[in-house]
């Protein structure tokens, strides 16, 4: 966990550099709001890098098997995203950093190539601190995770691809 926090700090610094030079998305459709990620840390127009991003070798073309796209279709702006191995009792740093993930947008979450954990827990929070958690997501089998929320029923779901 400590090494991931250190990597997160380095990834955040790299993200700020990438975010300042990345163009804003021009297409308003949810399927096309992704921006190209930097070589290693995830970067989108608004969301920040994952603390699990590979800060050790920013020129590597190989991706970690756990890398995935997180799509927000909740109807609510996500203020924080936490990802932690399922076998750990604490959450890592907020992968969005100071940014948010508006509904209809997505972010690429990148992991260190050396990461071996398959099952991860994901927690999102809105500005008011309302949280939803998904547990035991096998990120070795998920390349895209779309989050949904039905305000009427209060039910949250995730669609994995």
C-alpha atoms as a PDB file:
ATOM      1  CA  UNK A   1       0.000   0.000   0.000  1.00  0.00           C
ATOM      2  CA  UNK A   2       2.813   2.398   0.857  1.00  0.00           C
ATOM      3  CA  UNK A   3       4.477   1.878  -2.515  1.00  0.00           C
ATOM      4  CA  UNK A   4       1.180   2.537  -4.291  1.00  0.00           C
ATOM      5  CA  UNK A   5       0.788   5.787  -2.330  1.00  0.00           C
ATOM      6  CA  UNK A   6       4.266   6.857  -3.401  1.00  0.00           C
ATOM      7  CA  UNK A   7       3.492   5.901  -6.977  1.00  0.00           C
ATOM      8  CA  UNK A   8       0.232   7.830  -6.664  1.00  0.00           C
ATOM      9  CA  UNK A   9       2.052  10.994  -5.678  1.00  0.00           C
ATOM     10  CA  UNK A  10       4.441  10.697  -8.591  1.00  0.00           C
ATOM     11  CA  UNK A  11       1.578   9.823 -10.949  1.00  0.00           C
ATOM     12  CA  UNK A  12      -0.368  12.862  -9.757  1.00  0.00           C
ATOM     13  CA  UNK A  13       2.607  15.122 -10.542  1.00  0.00           C
ATOM     14  CA  UNK A  14       2.889  13.561 -13.992  1.00  0.00           C
ATOM     15  CA  UNK A  15      -0.844  13.970 -14.485  1.00  0.00           C
ATOM     16  CA  UNK A  16      -0.750  17.672 -13.759  1.00  0.00           C
ATOM     17  CA  UNK A  17       1.848  18.055 -16.462  1.00  0.00           C
ATOM     18  CA  UNK A  18      -0.165  15.963 -18.925  1.00  0.00           C
ATOM     19  CA  UNK A  19      -3.497  17.594 -18.035  1.00  0.00           C
ATOM     20  CA  UNK A  20      -2.133  21.070 -18.627  1.00  0.00           C
ATOM     21  CA  UNK A  21      -1.097  20.129 -22.148  1.00  0.00           C
ATOM     22  CA  UNK A  22      -4.036  17.854 -23.082  1.00  0.00           C
ATOM     23  CA  UNK A  23      -6.762  19.345 -25.305  1.00  0.00           C
ATOM     24  CA  UNK A  24     -10.325  19.333 -24.017  1.00  0.00           C
ATOM     25  CA  UNK A  25     -12.708  16.823 -25.628  1.00  0.00           C
ATOM     26  CA  UNK A  26     -14.851  18.263 -28.417  1.00  0.00           C
ATOM     27  CA  UNK A  27     -17.460  15.521 -28.758  1.00  0.00           C
ATOM     28  CA  UNK A  28     -20.343  15.582 -26.252  1.00  0.00           C
ATOM     29  CA  UNK A  29     -21.470  11.967 -26.585  1.00  0.00           C
ATOM     30  CA  UNK A  30     -20.704   9.632 -23.703  1.00  0.00           C
ATOM     31  CA  UNK A  31     -19.053   7.018 -25.894  1.00  0.00           C
ATOM     32  CA  UNK A  32     -16.611   9.539 -27.333  1.00  0.00           C
ATOM     33  CA  UNK A  33     -15.620  11.714 -24.387  1.00  0.00           C
ATOM     34  CA  UNK A  34     -12.459   9.747 -23.698  1.00  0.00           C
ATOM     35  CA  UNK A  35      -9.232  11.547 -24.339  1.00  0.00           C
ATOM     36  CA  UNK A  36      -6.019   9.799 -25.137  1.00  0.00           C
ATOM     37  CA  UNK A  37      -4.070   8.757 -22.091  1.00  0.00           C
ATOM     38  CA  UNK A  38      -0.495   9.728 -21.532  1.00  0.00           C
ATOM     39  CA  UNK A  39       2.020   6.939 -22.032  1.00  0.00           C
ATOM     40  CA  UNK A  40       1.599   5.607 -18.514  1.00  0.00           C
ATOM     41  CA  UNK A  41      -0.576   7.649 -16.167  1.00  0.00           C
ATOM     42  CA  UNK A  42      -4.245   7.827 -17.067  1.00  0.00           C
ATOM     43  CA  UNK A  43      -5.267  11.268 -18.222  1.00  0.00           C
ATOM     44  CA  UNK A  44      -8.576  12.608 -19.431  1.00  0.00           C
ATOM     45  CA  UNK A  45      -9.773  16.174 -19.832  1.00  0.00           C
ATOM     46  CA  UNK A  46     -11.102  16.278 -16.280  1.00  0.00           C
ATOM     47  CA  UNK A  47     -10.156  13.080 -14.395  1.00  0.00           C
ATOM     48  CA  UNK A  48      -6.715  12.450 -13.013  1.00  0.00           C
ATOM     49  CA  UNK A  49      -4.335   9.523 -12.933  1.00  0.00           C
ATOM     50  CA  UNK A  50      -4.706   6.413 -10.868  1.00  0.00           C
ATOM     51  CA  UNK A  51      -2.272   6.096  -7.988  1.00  0.00           C
ATOM     52  CA  UNK A  52      -1.718   2.635  -9.396  1.00  0.00           C
ATOM     53  CA  UNK A  53      -0.382   4.209 -12.577  1.00  0.00           C
ATOM     54  CA  UNK A  54       3.121   3.196 -13.565  1.00  0.00           C
ATOM     55  CA  UNK A  55       5.323   6.091 -12.549  1.00  0.00           C
ATOM     56  CA  UNK A  56       8.527   4.068 -12.795  1.00  0.00           C
ATOM     57  CA  UNK A  57       8.710   3.827 -16.574  1.00  0.00           C
ATOM     58  CA  UNK A  58       6.677   6.480 -18.344  1.00  0.00           C
ATOM     59  CA  UNK A  59       7.869   5.403 -21.793  1.00  0.00           C
ATOM     60  CA  UNK A  60       6.619   1.835 -21.666  1.00  0.00           C
ATOM     61  CA  UNK A  61       4.068   0.728 -24.243  1.00  0.00           C
ATOM     62  CA  UNK A  62       2.981  -2.374 -22.327  1.00  0.00           C
ATOM     63  CA  UNK A  63      -0.153  -2.082 -20.268  1.00  0.00           C
ATOM     64  CA  UNK A  64      -0.924  -3.804 -17.013  1.00  0.00           C
ATOM     65  CA  UNK A  65      -3.549  -6.509 -17.296  1.00  0.00           C
ATOM     66  CA  UNK A  66      -5.756  -4.620 -14.795  1.00  0.00           C
ATOM     67  CA  UNK A  67      -6.005  -1.385 -16.835  1.00  0.00           C
ATOM     68  CA  UNK A  68      -9.609  -0.408 -17.546  1.00  0.00           C
ATOM     69  CA  UNK A  69     -11.880   2.424 -18.607  1.00  0.00           C
ATOM     70  CA  UNK A  70     -14.256   3.756 -15.958  1.00  0.00           C
ATOM     71  CA  UNK A  71     -17.435   5.251 -17.446  1.00  0.00           C
ATOM     72  CA  UNK A  72     -19.734   7.427 -15.338  1.00  0.00           C
ATOM     73  CA  UNK A  73     -23.371   6.953 -16.376  1.00  0.00           C
ATOM     74  CA  UNK A  74     -24.737   7.611 -12.872  1.00  0.00           C
ATOM     75  CA  UNK A  75     -26.334  10.987 -13.587  1.00  0.00           C
ATOM     76  CA  UNK A  76     -24.183  12.370 -10.756  1.00  0.00           C
ATOM     77  CA  UNK A  77     -20.761  13.987 -10.911  1.00  0.00           C
ATOM     78  CA  UNK A  78     -18.245  11.701  -9.206  1.00  0.00           C
ATOM     79  CA  UNK A  79     -15.995  13.646  -6.866  1.00  0.00           C
ATOM     80  CA  UNK A  80     -13.698  10.812  -5.775  1.00  0.00           C
ATOM     81  CA  UNK A  81     -12.746   7.334  -6.974  1.00  0.00           C
ATOM     82  CA  UNK A  82     -10.874   4.899  -4.758  1.00  0.00           C
ATOM     83  CA  UNK A  83      -9.437   1.567  -5.925  1.00  0.00           C
ATOM     84  CA  UNK A  84      -7.827  -0.960  -3.618  1.00  0.00           C
ATOM     85  CA  UNK A  85      -6.952  -4.654  -3.819  1.00  0.00           C
ATOM     86  CA  UNK A  86      -9.834  -6.696  -2.387  1.00  0.00           C
ATOM     87  CA  UNK A  87      -7.564  -8.328   0.188  1.00  0.00           C
ATOM     88  CA  UNK A  88      -6.607  -4.954   1.745  1.00  0.00           C
ATOM     89  CA  UNK A  89      -8.553  -3.228   4.511  1.00  0.00           C
ATOM     90  CA  UNK A  90      -7.854   0.358   3.498  1.00  0.00           C
ATOM     91  CA  UNK A  91      -8.473   2.511   0.443  1.00  0.00           C
ATOM     92  CA  UNK A  92      -5.743   3.973  -1.703  1.00  0.00           C
ATOM     93  CA  UNK A  93      -5.648   7.668  -2.589  1.00  0.00           C
ATOM     94  CA  UNK A  94      -8.409   9.224  -4.678  1.00  0.00           C
ATOM     95  CA  UNK A  95      -7.458   8.405  -8.283  1.00  0.00           C
ATOM     96  CA  UNK A  96      -9.119  11.593  -9.539  1.00  0.00           C
ATOM     97  CA  UNK A  97      -6.979  13.826  -7.343  1.00  0.00           C
ATOM     98  CA  UNK A  98      -8.421  17.352  -7.526  1.00  0.00           C
ATOM     99  CA  UNK A  99     -10.517  16.528 -10.594  1.00  0.00           C
ATOM    100  CA  UNK A 100     -14.011  15.101 -10.902  1.00  0.00           C
ATOM    101  CA  UNK A 101     -15.695  12.704 -13.335  1.00  0.00           C
ATOM    102  CA  UNK A 102     -18.899  14.240 -14.713  1.00  0.00           C
ATOM    103  CA  UNK A 103     -21.733  11.952 -15.729  1.00  0.00           C
ATOM    104  CA  UNK A 104     -21.333  10.855 -19.352  1.00  0.00           C
ATOM    105  CA  UNK A 105     -17.530  10.994 -19.251  1.00  0.00           C
ATOM    106  CA  UNK A 106     -14.864   8.371 -18.710  1.00  0.00           C
ATOM    107  CA  UNK A 107     -11.309   8.002 -17.494  1.00  0.00           C
ATOM    108  CA  UNK A 108      -8.604   5.452 -18.221  1.00  0.00           C
ATOM    109  CA  UNK A 109      -7.348   3.806 -15.034  1.00  0.00           C
ATOM    110  CA  UNK A 110      -3.810   2.465 -15.461  1.00  0.00           C
ATOM    111  CA  UNK A 111      -1.856   0.150 -13.185  1.00  0.00           C
ATOM    112  CA  UNK A 112       1.810  -0.615 -12.701  1.00  0.00           C
ATOM    113  CA  UNK A 113       2.869  -3.370 -15.112  1.00  0.00           C
ATOM    114  CA  UNK A 114       4.197  -5.346 -12.159  1.00  0.00           C
ATOM    115  CA  UNK A 115       0.825  -5.371 -10.350  1.00  0.00           C
ATOM    116  CA  UNK A 116      -0.431  -8.948  -9.900  1.00  0.00           C
ATOM    117  CA  UNK A 117      -3.687  -8.601  -7.924  1.00  0.00           C
ATOM    118  CA  UNK A 118      -6.746  -9.672  -9.911  1.00  0.00           C
ATOM    119  CA  UNK A 119      -9.613  -8.656  -7.606  1.00  0.00           C
ATOM    120  CA  UNK A 120     -10.097  -5.016  -6.680  1.00  0.00           C
ATOM    121  CA  UNK A 121     -12.666  -2.979  -4.780  1.00  0.00           C
ATOM    122  CA  UNK A 122     -13.935   0.324  -6.182  1.00  0.00           C
ATOM    123  CA  UNK A 123     -15.579   3.137  -4.222  1.00  0.00           C
ATOM    124  CA  UNK A 124     -17.017   6.351  -5.625  1.00  0.00           C
ATOM    125  CA  UNK A 125     -18.129   9.460  -3.721  1.00  0.00           C
ATOM    126  CA  UNK A 126     -20.072  12.554  -4.706  1.00  0.00           C
ATOM    127  CA  UNK A 127     -19.474  16.080  -3.318  1.00  0.00           C
ATOM    128  CA  UNK A 128     -21.691  15.403  -0.314  1.00  0.00           C
ATOM    129  CA  UNK A 129     -19.703  12.299   0.626  1.00  0.00           C
ATOM    130  CA  UNK A 130     -22.381   9.804  -0.463  1.00  0.00           C
ATOM    131  CA  UNK A 131     -20.500   6.631  -1.360  1.00  0.00           C
ATOM    132  CA  UNK A 132     -21.131   3.477  -3.378  1.00  0.00           C
ATOM    133  CA  UNK A 133     -18.781   0.495  -3.256  1.00  0.00           C
ATOM    134  CA  UNK A 134     -18.300  -2.449  -5.614  1.00  0.00           C
ATOM    135  CA  UNK A 135     -16.254  -5.379  -4.309  1.00  0.00           C
ATOM    136  CA  UNK A 136     -14.192  -8.163  -5.879  1.00  0.00           C
ATOM    137  CA  UNK A 137     -14.019  -6.778  -9.402  1.00  0.00           C
ATOM    138  CA  UNK A 138     -11.751  -9.068 -11.408  1.00  0.00           C
ATOM    139  CA  UNK A 139      -9.828  -6.441 -13.364  1.00  0.00           C
ATOM    140  CA  UNK A 140      -7.985  -9.128 -15.292  1.00  0.00           C
ATOM    141  CA  UNK A 141     -11.310  -9.774 -17.064  1.00  0.00           C
ATOM    142  CA  UNK A 142     -12.695  -6.212 -17.200  1.00  0.00           C
ATOM    143  CA  UNK A 143     -11.579  -3.664 -19.781  1.00  0.00           C
ATOM    144  CA  UNK A 144     -14.497  -1.258 -19.348  1.00  0.00           C
ATOM    145  CA  UNK A 145     -16.651  -0.649 -16.278  1.00  0.00           C
ATOM    146  CA  UNK A 146     -19.769   1.484 -16.697  1.00  0.00           C
ATOM    147  CA  UNK A 147     -21.391   2.727 -13.500  1.00  0.00           C
ATOM    148  CA  UNK A 148     -25.158   3.347 -13.356  1.00  0.00           C
ATOM    149  CA  UNK A 149     -27.381   4.765 -10.623  1.00  0.00           C
ATOM    150  CA  UNK A 150     -31.196   4.786 -10.486  1.00  0.00           C
ATOM    151  CA  UNK A 151     -32.205   7.718  -8.284  1.00  0.00           C
ATOM    152  CA  UNK A 152     -35.797   6.484  -7.948  1.00  0.00           C
ATOM    153  CA  UNK A 153     -34.829   3.113  -6.498  1.00  0.00           C
ATOM    154  CA  UNK A 154     -31.489   4.150  -5.025  1.00  0.00           C
ATOM    155  CA  UNK A 155     -29.914   1.174  -6.785  1.00  0.00           C
ATOM    156  CA  UNK A 156     -26.384   1.313  -8.161  1.00  0.00           C
ATOM    157  CA  UNK A 157     -25.133  -1.131 -10.757  1.00  0.00           C
ATOM    158  CA  UNK A 158     -21.955  -1.676 -12.746  1.00  0.00           C
ATOM    159  CA  UNK A 159     -21.762  -3.117 -16.239  1.00  0.00           C
ATOM    160  CA  UNK A 160     -18.469  -4.883 -16.947  1.00  0.00           C
ATOM    161  CA  UNK A 161     -17.115  -5.539 -20.427  1.00  0.00           C
END
